[in-house]
Every structure is written in C-alpha cells, then in structure tokens.
PDB file of N, CA and C in Angstrom:
ATOM      1  N   MET A   1      17.717   3.190   3.627  1.00  0.00           N
ATOM      2  CA  MET A   1      16.896   2.993   4.450  1.00  0.00           C
ATOM      3  C   MET A   1      16.167   4.093   4.926  1.00  0.00           C
ATOM      4  N   GLU A   2      15.066   3.962   5.608  1.00  0.00           N
ATOM      5  CA  GLU A   2      14.095   4.867   5.950  1.00  0.00           C
ATOM      6  C   GLU A   2      14.099   4.697   7.798  1.00  0.00           C
ATOM      7  N   HIS A   3      15.263   4.483   8.602  1.00  0.00           N
ATOM      8  CA  HIS A   3      15.108   4.629   9.946  1.00  0.00           C
ATOM      9  C   HIS A   3      14.516   5.741  10.720  1.00  0.00           C
ATOM     10  N   HIS A   4      13.726   5.951  11.178  1.00  0.00           N
ATOM     11  CA  HIS A   4      13.502   6.700  12.302  1.00  0.00           C
ATOM     12  C   HIS A   4      13.259   8.276  11.371  1.00  0.00           C
ATOM     13  N   LYS A   5      12.349   8.184  10.152  1.00  0.00           N
ATOM     14  CA  LYS A   5      11.979   9.260   9.542  1.00  0.00           C
ATOM     15  C   LYS A   5      10.953  10.113  10.133  1.00  0.00           C
ATOM     16  N   LYS A   6      10.831  11.249  10.704  1.00  0.00           N
ATOM     17  CA  LYS A   6       9.846  11.884  11.409  1.00  0.00           C
ATOM     18  C   LYS A   6       8.322  11.930  10.449  1.00  0.00           C
ATOM     19  N   PHE A   7       8.500  12.385   9.391  1.00  0.00           N
ATOM     20  CA  PHE A   7       7.748  12.872   8.463  1.00  0.00           C
ATOM     21  C   PHE A   7       7.708  12.596   7.114  1.00  0.00           C
ATOM     22  N   ARG A   8       7.078  12.585   6.288  1.00  0.00           N
ATOM     23  CA  ARG A   8       7.190  12.292   5.040  1.00  0.00           C
ATOM     24  C   ARG A   8       7.462  13.559   4.165  1.00  0.00           C
ATOM     25  N   LYS A   9       8.307  13.648   3.082  1.00  0.00           N
ATOM     26  CA  LYS A   9       8.756  14.901   2.476  1.00  0.00           C
ATOM     27  C   LYS A   9       8.190  15.236   1.264  1.00  0.00           C
ATOM     28  N   PHE A  10       7.095  14.496   0.510  1.00  0.00           N
ATOM     29  CA  PHE A  10       6.358  14.588  -0.547  1.00  0.00           C
ATOM     30  C   PHE A  10       7.371  15.215  -1.608  1.00  0.00           C
ATOM     31  N   GLY A  11       8.500  15.239  -1.726  1.00  0.00           N
ATOM     32  CA  GLY A  11       9.494  15.829  -2.665  1.00  0.00           C
ATOM     33  C   GLY A  11       9.304  17.416  -2.887  1.00  0.00           C
ATOM     34  N   ARG A  12       8.798  18.094  -1.811  1.00  0.00           N
ATOM     35  CA  ARG A  12       8.657  19.512  -1.654  1.00  0.00           C
ATOM     36  C   ARG A  12       9.876  20.207  -0.997  1.00  0.00           C
ATOM     37  N   THR A  13       9.820  21.337  -1.162  1.00  0.00           N
ATOM     38  CA  THR A  13      10.737  22.463  -0.150  1.00  0.00           C
ATOM     39  C   THR A  13      10.158  22.085   1.233  1.00  0.00           C
ATOM     40  N   ALA A  14      11.195  22.595   2.162  1.00  0.00           N
ATOM     41  CA  ALA A  14      10.276  22.631   3.479  1.00  0.00           C
ATOM     42  C   ALA A  14       8.935  23.683   4.045  1.00  0.00           C
ATOM     43  N   ASP A  15       9.256  24.711   3.253  1.00  0.00           N
ATOM     44  CA  ASP A  15       7.978  25.802   3.288  1.00  0.00           C
ATOM     45  C   ASP A  15       6.920  25.453   2.547  1.00  0.00           C
ATOM     46  N   TYR A  16       6.980  24.536   1.551  1.00  0.00           N
ATOM     47  CA  TYR A  16       6.038  24.371   0.327  1.00  0.00           C
ATOM     48  C   TYR A  16       5.368  23.298   1.479  1.00  0.00           C
ATOM     49  N   ARG A  17       5.910  22.465   1.569  1.00  0.00           N
ATOM     50  CA  ARG A  17       5.487  21.356   2.372  1.00  0.00           C
ATOM     51  C   ARG A  17       4.693  21.760   3.907  1.00  0.00           C
ATOM     52  N   LYS A  18       5.150  22.373   4.539  1.00  0.00           N
ATOM     53  CA  LYS A  18       4.386  22.966   5.891  1.00  0.00           C
ATOM     54  C   LYS A  18       3.009  23.548   5.391  1.00  0.00           C
ATOM     55  N   ALA A  19       2.906  24.565   4.390  1.00  0.00           N
ATOM     56  CA  ALA A  19       1.815  25.161   3.840  1.00  0.00           C
ATOM     57  C   ALA A  19       0.705  24.188   3.651  1.00  0.00           C
ATOM     58  N   PHE A  20       1.182  23.035   2.749  1.00  0.00           N
ATOM     59  CA  PHE A  20       0.582  22.449   1.774  1.00  0.00           C
ATOM     60  C   PHE A  20      -0.137  20.896   2.975  1.00  0.00           C
ATOM     61  N   VAL A  21       0.676  20.748   4.162  1.00  0.00           N
ATOM     62  CA  VAL A  21       0.045  20.017   4.999  1.00  0.00           C
ATOM     63  C   VAL A  21      -0.956  20.793   5.777  1.00  0.00           C
ATOM     64  N   TRP A  22      -0.647  22.023   6.341  1.00  0.00           N
ATOM     65  CA  TRP A  22      -1.348  22.932   7.299  1.00  0.00           C
ATOM     66  C   TRP A  22      -2.768  22.986   6.175  1.00  0.00           C
ATOM     67  N   ASN A  23      -2.653  23.572   5.166  1.00  0.00           N
ATOM     68  CA  ASN A  23      -4.022  23.333   4.080  1.00  0.00           C
ATOM     69  C   ASN A  23      -4.746  22.494   4.260  1.00  0.00           C
ATOM     70  N   LEU A  24      -4.100  21.104   4.136  1.00  0.00           N
ATOM     71  CA  LEU A  24      -4.867  20.036   3.840  1.00  0.00           C
ATOM     72  C   LEU A  24      -5.709  19.863   5.763  1.00  0.00           C
ATOM     73  N   THR A  25      -4.965  20.067   6.608  1.00  0.00           N
ATOM     74  CA  THR A  25      -5.388  20.037   7.890  1.00  0.00           C
ATOM     75  C   THR A  25      -6.433  20.793   8.144  1.00  0.00           C
ATOM     76  N   ARG A  26      -6.526  22.026   7.453  1.00  0.00           N
ATOM     77  CA  ARG A  26      -7.685  22.905   7.311  1.00  0.00           C
ATOM     78  C   ARG A  26      -8.877  22.600   6.922  1.00  0.00           C
ATOM     79  N   SER A  27      -8.536  22.060   6.004  1.00  0.00           N
ATOM     80  CA  SER A  27      -9.602  21.245   5.064  1.00  0.00           C
ATOM     81  C   SER A  27     -10.313  20.391   5.612  1.00  0.00           C
ATOM     82  N   LEU A  28      -9.857  19.535   6.293  1.00  0.00           N
ATOM     83  CA  LEU A  28     -10.401  18.741   6.945  1.00  0.00           C
ATOM     84  C   LEU A  28     -10.935  18.814   8.274  1.00  0.00           C
ATOM     85  N   LEU A  29     -10.433  19.779   9.099  1.00  0.00           N
ATOM     86  CA  LEU A  29     -10.995  20.507   9.912  1.00  0.00           C
ATOM     87  C   LEU A  29     -12.487  21.413   9.685  1.00  0.00           C
ATOM     88  N   LEU A  30     -12.501  22.289   8.637  1.00  0.00           N
ATOM     89  CA  LEU A  30     -13.403  22.580   7.812  1.00  0.00           C
ATOM     90  C   LEU A  30     -14.630  21.728   7.532  1.00  0.00           C
ATOM     91  N   HIS A  31     -14.403  21.025   6.753  1.00  0.00           N
ATOM     92  CA  HIS A  31     -15.494  20.011   6.083  1.00  0.00           C
ATOM     93  C   HIS A  31     -15.409  18.599   6.791  1.00  0.00           C
ATOM     94  N   GLY A  32     -14.628  18.500   7.517  1.00  0.00           N
ATOM     95  CA  GLY A  32     -15.063  16.827   8.204  1.00  0.00           C
ATOM     96  C   GLY A  32     -14.561  15.788   7.664  1.00  0.00           C
ATOM     97  N   ARG A  33     -14.640  16.100   6.308  1.00  0.00           N
ATOM     98  CA  ARG A  33     -13.918  14.692   5.263  1.00  0.00           C
ATOM     99  C   ARG A  33     -13.457  15.522   4.267  1.00  0.00           C
ATOM    100  N   ILE A  34     -12.334  14.657   3.663  1.00  0.00           N
ATOM    101  CA  ILE A  34     -11.695  14.888   2.698  1.00  0.00           C
ATOM    102  C   ILE A  34     -11.040  14.031   1.843  1.00  0.00           C
ATOM    103  N   LYS A  35     -10.735  13.971   0.426  1.00  0.00           N
ATOM    104  CA  LYS A  35     -10.369  12.649  -0.482  1.00  0.00           C
ATOM    105  C   LYS A  35      -9.037  13.314  -0.833  1.00  0.00           C
ATOM    106  N   THR A  36      -8.164  12.372  -0.894  1.00  0.00           N
ATOM    107  CA  THR A  36      -6.855  12.596  -1.258  1.00  0.00           C
ATOM    108  C   THR A  36      -5.979  11.315  -1.164  1.00  0.00           C
ATOM    109  N   THR A  37      -4.656  11.453  -1.500  1.00  0.00           N
ATOM    110  CA  THR A  37      -3.894  10.271  -1.483  1.00  0.00           C
ATOM    111  C   THR A  37      -3.712   9.672   0.024  1.00  0.00           C
ATOM    112  N   ALA A  38      -3.491   8.326  -0.020  1.00  0.00           N
ATOM    113  CA  ALA A  38      -3.109   7.492   1.031  1.00  0.00           C
ATOM    114  C   ALA A  38      -1.982   8.231   1.823  1.00  0.00           C
ATOM    115  N   THR A  39      -0.848   8.629   1.181  1.00  0.00           N
ATOM    116  CA  THR A  39       0.308   8.995   2.040  1.00  0.00           C
ATOM    117  C   THR A  39      -0.348  10.593   2.532  1.00  0.00           C
ATOM    118  N   ARG A  40      -0.652  11.446   1.678  1.00  0.00           N
ATOM    119  CA  ARG A  40      -1.218  12.473   2.481  1.00  0.00           C
ATOM    120  C   ARG A  40      -2.214  12.557   3.394  1.00  0.00           C
ATOM    121  N   ALA A  41      -3.144  11.337   3.526  1.00  0.00           N
ATOM    122  CA  ALA A  41      -4.056  11.543   4.581  1.00  0.00           C
ATOM    123  C   ALA A  41      -3.127  10.808   6.038  1.00  0.00           C
ATOM    124  N   LYS A  42      -2.279   9.977   5.866  1.00  0.00           N
ATOM    125  CA  LYS A  42      -1.909   9.365   6.848  1.00  0.00           C
ATOM    126  C   LYS A  42      -0.702  10.346   7.352  1.00  0.00           C
ATOM    127  N   GLU A  43      -0.317  11.428   6.596  1.00  0.00           N
ATOM    128  CA  GLU A  43       0.510  12.781   7.099  1.00  0.00           C
ATOM    129  C   GLU A  43      -0.221  13.693   7.624  1.00  0.00           C
ATOM    130  N   ILE A  44      -1.656  13.884   7.329  1.00  0.00           N
ATOM    131  CA  ILE A  44      -2.334  14.825   8.070  1.00  0.00           C
ATOM    132  C   ILE A  44      -3.069  14.293   9.197  1.00  0.00           C
ATOM    133  N   ARG A  45      -3.078  13.251   9.190  1.00  0.00           N
ATOM    134  CA  ARG A  45      -3.626  12.219  10.602  1.00  0.00           C
ATOM    135  C   ARG A  45      -2.992  12.966  11.852  1.00  0.00           C
ATOM    136  N   SER A  46      -2.098  12.781  12.037  1.00  0.00           N
ATOM    137  CA  SER A  46      -1.015  13.185  13.380  1.00  0.00           C
ATOM    138  C   SER A  46      -1.379  14.736  13.325  1.00  0.00           C
ATOM    139  N   PHE A  47      -1.182  15.456  12.330  1.00  0.00           N
ATOM    140  CA  PHE A  47      -1.483  17.050  12.725  1.00  0.00           C
ATOM    141  C   PHE A  47      -2.712  17.234  13.188  1.00  0.00           C
ATOM    142  N   ALA A  48      -3.849  16.529  12.796  1.00  0.00           N
ATOM    143  CA  ALA A  48      -5.115  16.920  12.888  1.00  0.00           C
ATOM    144  C   ALA A  48      -5.549  16.442  14.244  1.00  0.00           C
ATOM    145  N   GLU A  49      -5.153  15.478  14.728  1.00  0.00           N
ATOM    146  CA  GLU A  49      -5.008  14.822  16.177  1.00  0.00           C
ATOM    147  C   GLU A  49      -4.451  15.712  17.286  1.00  0.00           C
ATOM    148  N   LYS A  50      -3.283  16.324  16.871  1.00  0.00           N
ATOM    149  CA  LYS A  50      -2.817  16.809  17.554  1.00  0.00           C
ATOM    150  C   LYS A  50      -3.629  18.413  17.990  1.00  0.00           C
ATOM    151  N   MET A  51      -3.734  18.993  16.906  1.00  0.00           N
ATOM    152  CA  MET A  51      -4.822  20.187  17.043  1.00  0.00           C
ATOM    153  C   MET A  51      -6.074  19.784  17.739  1.00  0.00           C
ATOM    154  N   ILE A  52      -6.851  18.585  17.419  1.00  0.00           N
ATOM    155  CA  ILE A  52      -7.900  18.657  18.287  1.00  0.00           C
ATOM    156  C   ILE A  52      -7.884  18.199  19.630  1.00  0.00           C
ATOM    157  N   THR A  53      -6.605  17.595  20.113  1.00  0.00           N
ATOM    158  CA  THR A  53      -6.097  17.446  21.453  1.00  0.00           C
ATOM    159  C   THR A  53      -5.909  18.778  22.175  1.00  0.00           C
ATOM    160  N   ARG A  54      -5.088  19.589  21.543  1.00  0.00           N
ATOM    161  CA  ARG A  54      -5.009  21.062  22.073  1.00  0.00           C
ATOM    162  C   ARG A  54      -6.349  21.623  22.271  1.00  0.00           C
ATOM    163  N   ALA A  55      -7.286  21.638  21.337  1.00  0.00           N
ATOM    164  CA  ALA A  55      -8.404  22.427  21.399  1.00  0.00           C
ATOM    165  C   ALA A  55      -9.493  21.934  22.408  1.00  0.00           C
ATOM    166  N   LYS A  56      -9.298  20.541  22.689  1.00  0.00           N
ATOM    167  CA  LYS A  56     -10.020  20.116  24.138  1.00  0.00           C
ATOM    168  C   LYS A  56      -9.955  21.201  25.400  1.00  0.00           C
ATOM    169  N   ARG A  57      -8.824  21.486  25.315  1.00  0.00           N
ATOM    170  CA  ARG A  57      -8.493  22.478  26.770  1.00  0.00           C
ATOM    171  C   ARG A  57      -8.283  23.736  26.037  1.00  0.00           C
ATOM    172  N   ASP A  58      -9.673  24.680  26.083  1.00  0.00           N
ATOM    173  CA  ASP A  58      -9.656  25.914  25.580  1.00  0.00           C
ATOM    174  C   ASP A  58      -9.094  27.087  26.452  1.00  0.00           C
ATOM    175  N   THR A  59      -7.958  27.261  26.257  1.00  0.00           N
ATOM    176  CA  THR A  59      -7.063  28.134  27.246  1.00  0.00           C
ATOM    177  C   THR A  59      -6.359  29.303  25.732  1.00  0.00           C
ATOM    178  N   LEU A  60      -6.405  30.542  26.577  1.00  0.00           N
ATOM    179  CA  LEU A  60      -5.919  31.837  25.759  1.00  0.00           C
ATOM    180  C   LEU A  60      -4.594  30.984  24.837  1.00  0.00           C
ATOM    181  N   ALA A  61      -3.774  30.520  25.615  1.00  0.00           N
ATOM    182  CA  ALA A  61      -2.267  29.963  24.911  1.00  0.00           C
ATOM    183  C   ALA A  61      -2.761  29.037  23.619  1.00  0.00           C
ATOM    184  N   ASN A  62      -3.694  28.135  24.099  1.00  0.00           N
ATOM    185  CA  ASN A  62      -4.164  27.194  23.142  1.00  0.00           C
ATOM    186  C   ASN A  62      -4.620  27.756  21.617  1.00  0.00           C
ATOM    187  N   ARG A  63      -5.504  28.589  21.886  1.00  0.00           N
ATOM    188  CA  ARG A  63      -6.395  29.644  20.864  1.00  0.00           C
ATOM    189  C   ARG A  63      -5.055  30.461  19.980  1.00  0.00           C
ATOM    190  N   ARG A  64      -3.940  30.823  21.009  1.00  0.00           N
ATOM    191  CA  ARG A  64      -3.110  31.588  20.067  1.00  0.00           C
ATOM    192  C   ARG A  64      -2.318  30.789  19.130  1.00  0.00           C
ATOM    193  N   LEU A  65      -1.870  29.759  19.741  1.00  0.00           N
ATOM    194  CA  LEU A  65      -0.991  28.985  19.065  1.00  0.00           C
ATOM    195  C   LEU A  65      -1.931  28.183  17.687  1.00  0.00           C
ATOM    196  N   MET A  66      -3.230  28.168  17.675  1.00  0.00           N
ATOM    197  CA  MET A  66      -4.019  27.591  16.599  1.00  0.00           C
ATOM    198  C   MET A  66      -4.253  28.743  15.328  1.00  0.00           C
ATOM    199  N   LEU A  67      -3.704  30.355  16.101  1.00  0.00           N
ATOM    200  CA  LEU A  67      -4.049  31.249  15.096  1.00  0.00           C
ATOM    201  C   LEU A  67      -2.931  31.557  14.423  1.00  0.00           C
ATOM    202  N   GLU A  68      -1.836  30.933  14.604  1.00  0.00           N
ATOM    203  CA  GLU A  68      -0.533  30.943  14.019  1.00  0.00           C
ATOM    204  C   GLU A  68      -0.690  30.034  12.910  1.00  0.00           C
ATOM    205  N   LYS A  69      -1.349  29.088  13.017  1.00  0.00           N
ATOM    206  CA  LYS A  69      -1.419  28.247  11.808  1.00  0.00           C
ATOM    207  C   LYS A  69      -2.744  28.249  10.889  1.00  0.00           C
ATOM    208  N   PHE A  70      -3.785  28.538  11.570  1.00  0.00           N
ATOM    209  CA  PHE A  70      -4.867  28.661  10.807  1.00  0.00           C
ATOM    210  C   PHE A  70      -5.975  30.116  10.831  1.00  0.00           C
ATOM    211  N   ASP A  71      -6.650  30.015  10.152  1.00  0.00           N
ATOM    212  CA  ASP A  71      -7.094  31.157   9.911  1.00  0.00           C
ATOM    213  C   ASP A  71      -8.487  31.364  11.570  1.00  0.00           C
ATOM    214  N   ALA A  72      -8.996  32.727  11.585  1.00  0.00           N
ATOM    215  CA  ALA A  72     -10.203  32.626  12.736  1.00  0.00           C
ATOM    216  C   ALA A  72     -11.336  31.894  12.714  1.00  0.00           C
ATOM    217  N   LYS A  73     -11.938  31.676  11.218  1.00  0.00           N
ATOM    218  CA  LYS A  73     -13.146  30.601  11.099  1.00  0.00           C
ATOM    219  C   LYS A  73     -12.636  29.204  11.545  1.00  0.00           C
ATOM    220  N   THR A  74     -11.596  28.923  11.062  1.00  0.00           N
ATOM    221  CA  THR A  74     -11.114  27.184  11.295  1.00  0.00           C
ATOM    222  C   THR A  74     -11.186  27.039  12.517  1.00  0.00           C
ATOM    223  N   VAL A  75     -10.392  28.259  13.564  1.00  0.00           N
ATOM    224  CA  VAL A  75      -9.970  28.096  15.091  1.00  0.00           C
ATOM    225  C   VAL A  75     -11.192  28.361  15.878  1.00  0.00           C
ATOM    226  N   LYS A  76     -12.434  29.361  15.326  1.00  0.00           N
ATOM    227  CA  LYS A  76     -13.881  28.917  15.964  1.00  0.00           C
ATOM    228  C   LYS A  76     -14.435  27.829  15.915  1.00  0.00           C
ATOM    229  N   LYS A  77     -14.445  27.010  14.544  1.00  0.00           N
ATOM    230  CA  LYS A  77     -15.157  25.672  14.477  1.00  0.00           C
ATOM    231  C   LYS A  77     -14.260  25.101  15.047  1.00  0.00           C
ATOM    232  N   LEU A  78     -12.920  25.156  15.288  1.00  0.00           N
ATOM    233  CA  LEU A  78     -12.501  23.846  16.113  1.00  0.00           C
ATOM    234  C   LEU A  78     -12.595  23.722  17.252  1.00  0.00           C
ATOM    235  N   PHE A  79     -12.724  25.291  18.077  1.00  0.00           N
ATOM    236  CA  PHE A  79     -12.853  24.960  19.657  1.00  0.00           C
ATOM    237  C   PHE A  79     -14.401  25.076  19.724  1.00  0.00           C
ATOM    238  N   SER A  80     -15.392  25.362  19.235  1.00  0.00           N
ATOM    239  CA  SER A  80     -16.705  25.754  19.564  1.00  0.00           C
ATOM    240  C   SER A  80     -17.509  24.407  19.188  1.00  0.00           C
ATOM    241  N   GLU A  81     -17.036  23.525  18.206  1.00  0.00           N
ATOM    242  CA  GLU A  81     -17.741  22.659  17.311  1.00  0.00           C
ATOM    243  C   GLU A  81     -17.050  21.175  17.664  1.00  0.00           C
ATOM    244  N   ILE A  82     -15.670  21.567  17.162  1.00  0.00           N
ATOM    245  CA  ILE A  82     -15.208  20.076  16.974  1.00  0.00           C
ATOM    246  C   ILE A  82     -14.559  19.673  18.384  1.00  0.00           C
ATOM    247  N   ALA A  83     -14.039  20.271  19.053  1.00  0.00           N
ATOM    248  CA  ALA A  83     -13.455  20.053  20.294  1.00  0.00           C
ATOM    249  C   ALA A  83     -14.355  19.334  21.305  1.00  0.00           C
ATOM    250  N   PRO A  84     -15.361  19.668  21.819  1.00  0.00           N
ATOM    251  CA  PRO A  84     -16.398  19.229  22.600  1.00  0.00           C
ATOM    252  C   PRO A  84     -17.001  18.036  22.204  1.00  0.00           C
ATOM    253  N   LEU A  85     -17.230  17.916  20.724  1.00  0.00           N
ATOM    254  CA  LEU A  85     -17.755  16.525  20.616  1.00  0.00           C
ATOM    255  C   LEU A  85     -16.948  14.941  20.936  1.00  0.00           C
ATOM    256  N   TYR A  86     -15.314  15.649  21.108  1.00  0.00           N
ATOM    257  CA  TYR A  86     -14.394  14.600  21.773  1.00  0.00           C
ATOM    258  C   TYR A  86     -13.948  14.705  23.065  1.00  0.00           C
ATOM    259  N   LYS A  87     -14.682  15.444  23.709  1.00  0.00           N
ATOM    260  CA  LYS A  87     -14.078  15.898  25.104  1.00  0.00           C
ATOM    261  C   LYS A  87     -13.806  14.545  25.944  1.00  0.00           C
ATOM    262  N   GLU A  88     -14.334  13.425  25.832  1.00  0.00           N
ATOM    263  CA  GLU A  88     -14.435  12.160  26.445  1.00  0.00           C
ATOM    264  C   GLU A  88     -13.499  11.440  25.779  1.00  0.00           C
ATOM    265  N   ARG A  89     -13.146  11.504  24.780  1.00  0.00           N
ATOM    266  CA  ARG A  89     -12.782  10.697  23.617  1.00  0.00           C
ATOM    267  C   ARG A  89     -11.004  10.839  24.134  1.00  0.00           C
ATOM    268  N   PRO A  90     -10.156   9.782  24.467  1.00  0.00           N
ATOM    269  CA  PRO A  90      -8.868   9.924  24.457  1.00  0.00           C
ATOM    270  C   PRO A  90      -7.663  10.018  23.172  1.00  0.00           C
ATOM    271  N   GLY A  91      -8.621   9.805  22.131  1.00  0.00           N
ATOM    272  CA  GLY A  91      -7.754   9.727  20.918  1.00  0.00           C
ATOM    273  C   GLY A  91      -8.361   9.101  19.893  1.00  0.00           C
ATOM    274  N   GLY A  92      -7.784   9.009  18.419  1.00  0.00           N
ATOM    275  CA  GLY A  92      -8.379   8.543  17.515  1.00  0.00           C
ATOM    276  C   GLY A  92      -9.616   9.219  16.909  1.00  0.00           C
ATOM    277  N   TYR A  93      -9.347  10.438  16.941  1.00  0.00           N
ATOM    278  CA  TYR A  93     -10.245  11.598  16.210  1.00  0.00           C
ATOM    279  C   TYR A  93     -11.001  11.208  14.459  1.00  0.00           C
ATOM    280  N   THR A  94      -9.868  10.672  14.104  1.00  0.00           N
ATOM    281  CA  THR A  94      -9.869  10.537  12.509  1.00  0.00           C
ATOM    282  C   THR A  94      -9.743   9.174  11.903  1.00  0.00           C
ATOM    283  N   ARG A  95     -10.366   8.770  10.564  1.00  0.00           N
ATOM    284  CA  ARG A  95     -10.668   7.544  10.276  1.00  0.00           C
ATOM    285  C   ARG A  95     -10.315   7.710   8.818  1.00  0.00           C
ATOM    286  N   ILE A  96      -9.261   6.686   8.263  1.00  0.00           N
ATOM    287  CA  ILE A  96      -8.809   6.933   6.821  1.00  0.00           C
ATOM    288  C   ILE A  96      -9.554   5.325   6.164  1.00  0.00           C
ATOM    289  N   LEU A  97     -10.285   5.659   5.275  1.00  0.00           N
ATOM    290  CA  LEU A  97     -10.995   4.781   4.445  1.00  0.00           C
ATOM    291  C   LEU A  97     -10.350   4.826   3.052  1.00  0.00           C
ATOM    292  N   LYS A  98      -9.952   3.609   2.817  1.00  0.00           N
ATOM    293  CA  LYS A  98      -9.048   3.386   1.262  1.00  0.00           C
ATOM    294  C   LYS A  98     -10.389   3.430   0.204  1.00  0.00           C
ATOM    295  N   TRP A  99      -9.985   4.299  -0.815  1.00  0.00           N
ATOM    296  CA  TRP A  99     -11.127   4.624  -1.704  1.00  0.00           C
ATOM    297  C   TRP A  99     -10.835   3.922  -3.459  1.00  0.00           C
ATOM    298  N   GLY A 100      -9.721   3.685  -3.397  1.00  0.00           N
ATOM    299  CA  GLY A 100      -9.410   3.088  -4.807  1.00  0.00           C
ATOM    300  C   GLY A 100      -8.054   3.437  -5.481  1.00  0.00           C
ATOM    301  N   ASN A 101      -7.609   3.608  -6.654  1.00  0.00           N
ATOM    302  CA  ASN A 101      -6.452   4.418  -7.509  1.00  0.00           C
ATOM    303  C   ASN A 101      -7.135   5.557  -8.412  1.00  0.00           C
ATOM    304  N   ARG A 102      -6.311   6.362  -8.172  1.00  0.00           N
ATOM    305  CA  ARG A 102      -6.715   7.214  -9.193  1.00  0.00           C
ATOM    306  C   ARG A 102      -6.267   6.705 -10.836  1.00  0.00           C
ATOM    307  N   LYS A 103      -7.272   7.381 -11.668  1.00  0.00           N
ATOM    308  CA  LYS A 103      -6.936   6.925 -12.960  1.00  0.00           C
ATOM    309  C   LYS A 103      -6.044   7.265 -13.627  1.00  0.00           C
ATOM    310  N   ASN A 104      -5.604   8.495 -13.647  1.00  0.00           N
ATOM    311  CA  ASN A 104      -4.294   8.946 -14.318  1.00  0.00           C
ATOM    312  C   ASN A 104      -2.815   8.326 -14.058  1.00  0.00           C
ATOM    313  N   ASP A 105      -2.694   8.368 -12.949  1.00  0.00           N
ATOM    314  CA  ASP A 105      -1.093   8.023 -12.300  1.00  0.00           C
ATOM    315  C   ASP A 105      -1.172   6.455 -11.291  1.00  0.00           C
ATOM    316  N   ALA A 106      -2.570   6.271 -10.891  1.00  0.00           N
ATOM    317  CA  ALA A 106      -2.787   4.827 -10.269  1.00  0.00           C
ATOM    318  C   ALA A 106      -2.220   5.096  -9.163  1.00  0.00           C
ATOM    319  N   ALA A 107      -2.422   6.638  -8.689  1.00  0.00           N
ATOM    320  CA  ALA A 107      -2.014   6.674  -6.952  1.00  0.00           C
ATOM    321  C   ALA A 107      -3.109   6.318  -5.898  1.00  0.00           C
ATOM    322  N   ALA A 108      -2.941   5.385  -4.683  1.00  0.00           N
ATOM    323  CA  ALA A 108      -3.963   4.963  -3.940  1.00  0.00           C
ATOM    324  C   ALA A 108      -4.453   6.447  -3.514  1.00  0.00           C
ATOM    325  N   VAL A 109      -5.947   6.069  -3.461  1.00  0.00           N
ATOM    326  CA  VAL A 109      -6.869   7.574  -2.819  1.00  0.00           C
ATOM    327  C   VAL A 109      -7.335   7.049  -1.701  1.00  0.00           C
ATOM    328  N   SER A 110      -7.679   7.755  -0.835  1.00  0.00           N
ATOM    329  CA  SER A 110      -8.064   7.426   0.615  1.00  0.00           C
ATOM    330  C   SER A 110      -9.169   8.578   1.099  1.00  0.00           C
ATOM    331  N   ILE A 111     -10.170   8.358   1.789  1.00  0.00           N
ATOM    332  CA  ILE A 111     -10.747   9.066   2.188  1.00  0.00           C
ATOM    333  C   ILE A 111     -10.439   9.279   3.755  1.00  0.00           C
ATOM    334  N   ILE A 112     -10.316  10.699   4.213  1.00  0.00           N
ATOM    335  CA  ILE A 112      -9.843  10.880   5.760  1.00  0.00           C
ATOM    336  C   ILE A 112     -10.970  11.911   6.573  1.00  0.00           C
ATOM    337  N   GLU A 113     -11.436  11.240   7.441  1.00  0.00           N
ATOM    338  CA  GLU A 113     -12.627  12.096   8.106  1.00  0.00           C
ATOM    339  C   GLU A 113     -12.601  12.169   9.428  1.00  0.00           C
ATOM    340  N   LEU A 114     -13.138  13.084  10.122  1.00  0.00           N
ATOM    341  CA  LEU A 114     -13.138  12.979  11.743  1.00  0.00           C
ATOM    342  C   LEU A 114     -14.277  11.944  12.007  1.00  0.00           C
ATOM    343  N   VAL A 115     -14.186  11.131  12.873  1.00  0.00           N
ATOM    344  CA  VAL A 115     -14.941  10.365  13.908  1.00  0.00           C
ATOM    345  C   VAL A 115     -16.201  10.911  14.612  1.00  0.00           C
ATOM    346  N   LYS A 116     -17.270  10.531  14.188  1.00  0.00           N
ATOM    347  CA  LYS A 116     -18.621  11.269  14.906  1.00  0.00           C
ATOM    348  C   LYS A 116     -18.499  10.384  16.418  1.00  0.00           C
TER     349      LYS A 116
END
C-alpha cells in the first residue's frame, strides 16, 4: 500500500530524481508551458508552486535559495516577470491539461502551464 508517500520515485536514484524534477521545473518556469507525462506534471506542480510563492517575497534570502536550485537566468525571470503576475493570487499558479497517450508506450501525456 502507498500510504503517506510524500513524492513519486519514478524508478530513479535520489540524486538523478532530484536533478530530473528541478530541470523540469526550470523548463516550466522559463517557457511557461511544457508537455510531459501526467505523473511528472503532477510531481513538478508542487515544486513550481512553492518556488513562485517564495518569489512573491523578493528578499535576498529567497533569491539565494533559488540560486541553489536554478541558474541566474531562471531566477531573474522568476523574480522579475513571473512573481509580479501572481502578487494578488493566493495559489494555483499552474494548470494541468490532459493531452492524450503517447504512441510508443501509451503513457498519459499532459501539458502543464502557468496560469495567466
């Protein structure tokens, strides 16, 4: 049984999984919309929402925290463009749309995007 599981493992080692999730989150923040499998989209949603919530408070500590996870270009875009859009919004910055199934392995594909 899968009671109280905090995150999905994706059959990967911890280091690979962390890098994998942060890279997907970075792509979402840079491009605003990405197409990926449904389980990956559900997993990165929580990371992206937490990062945007932190970026709404533009402090030095929050910027340094983001620079541990992302490159300078992503952090700049997050604090200067993305966070001001959601200043009055209490949460729910992302949307997941079902896209269909992949042809080769029939995995459920979804689009995750930032809400305008």
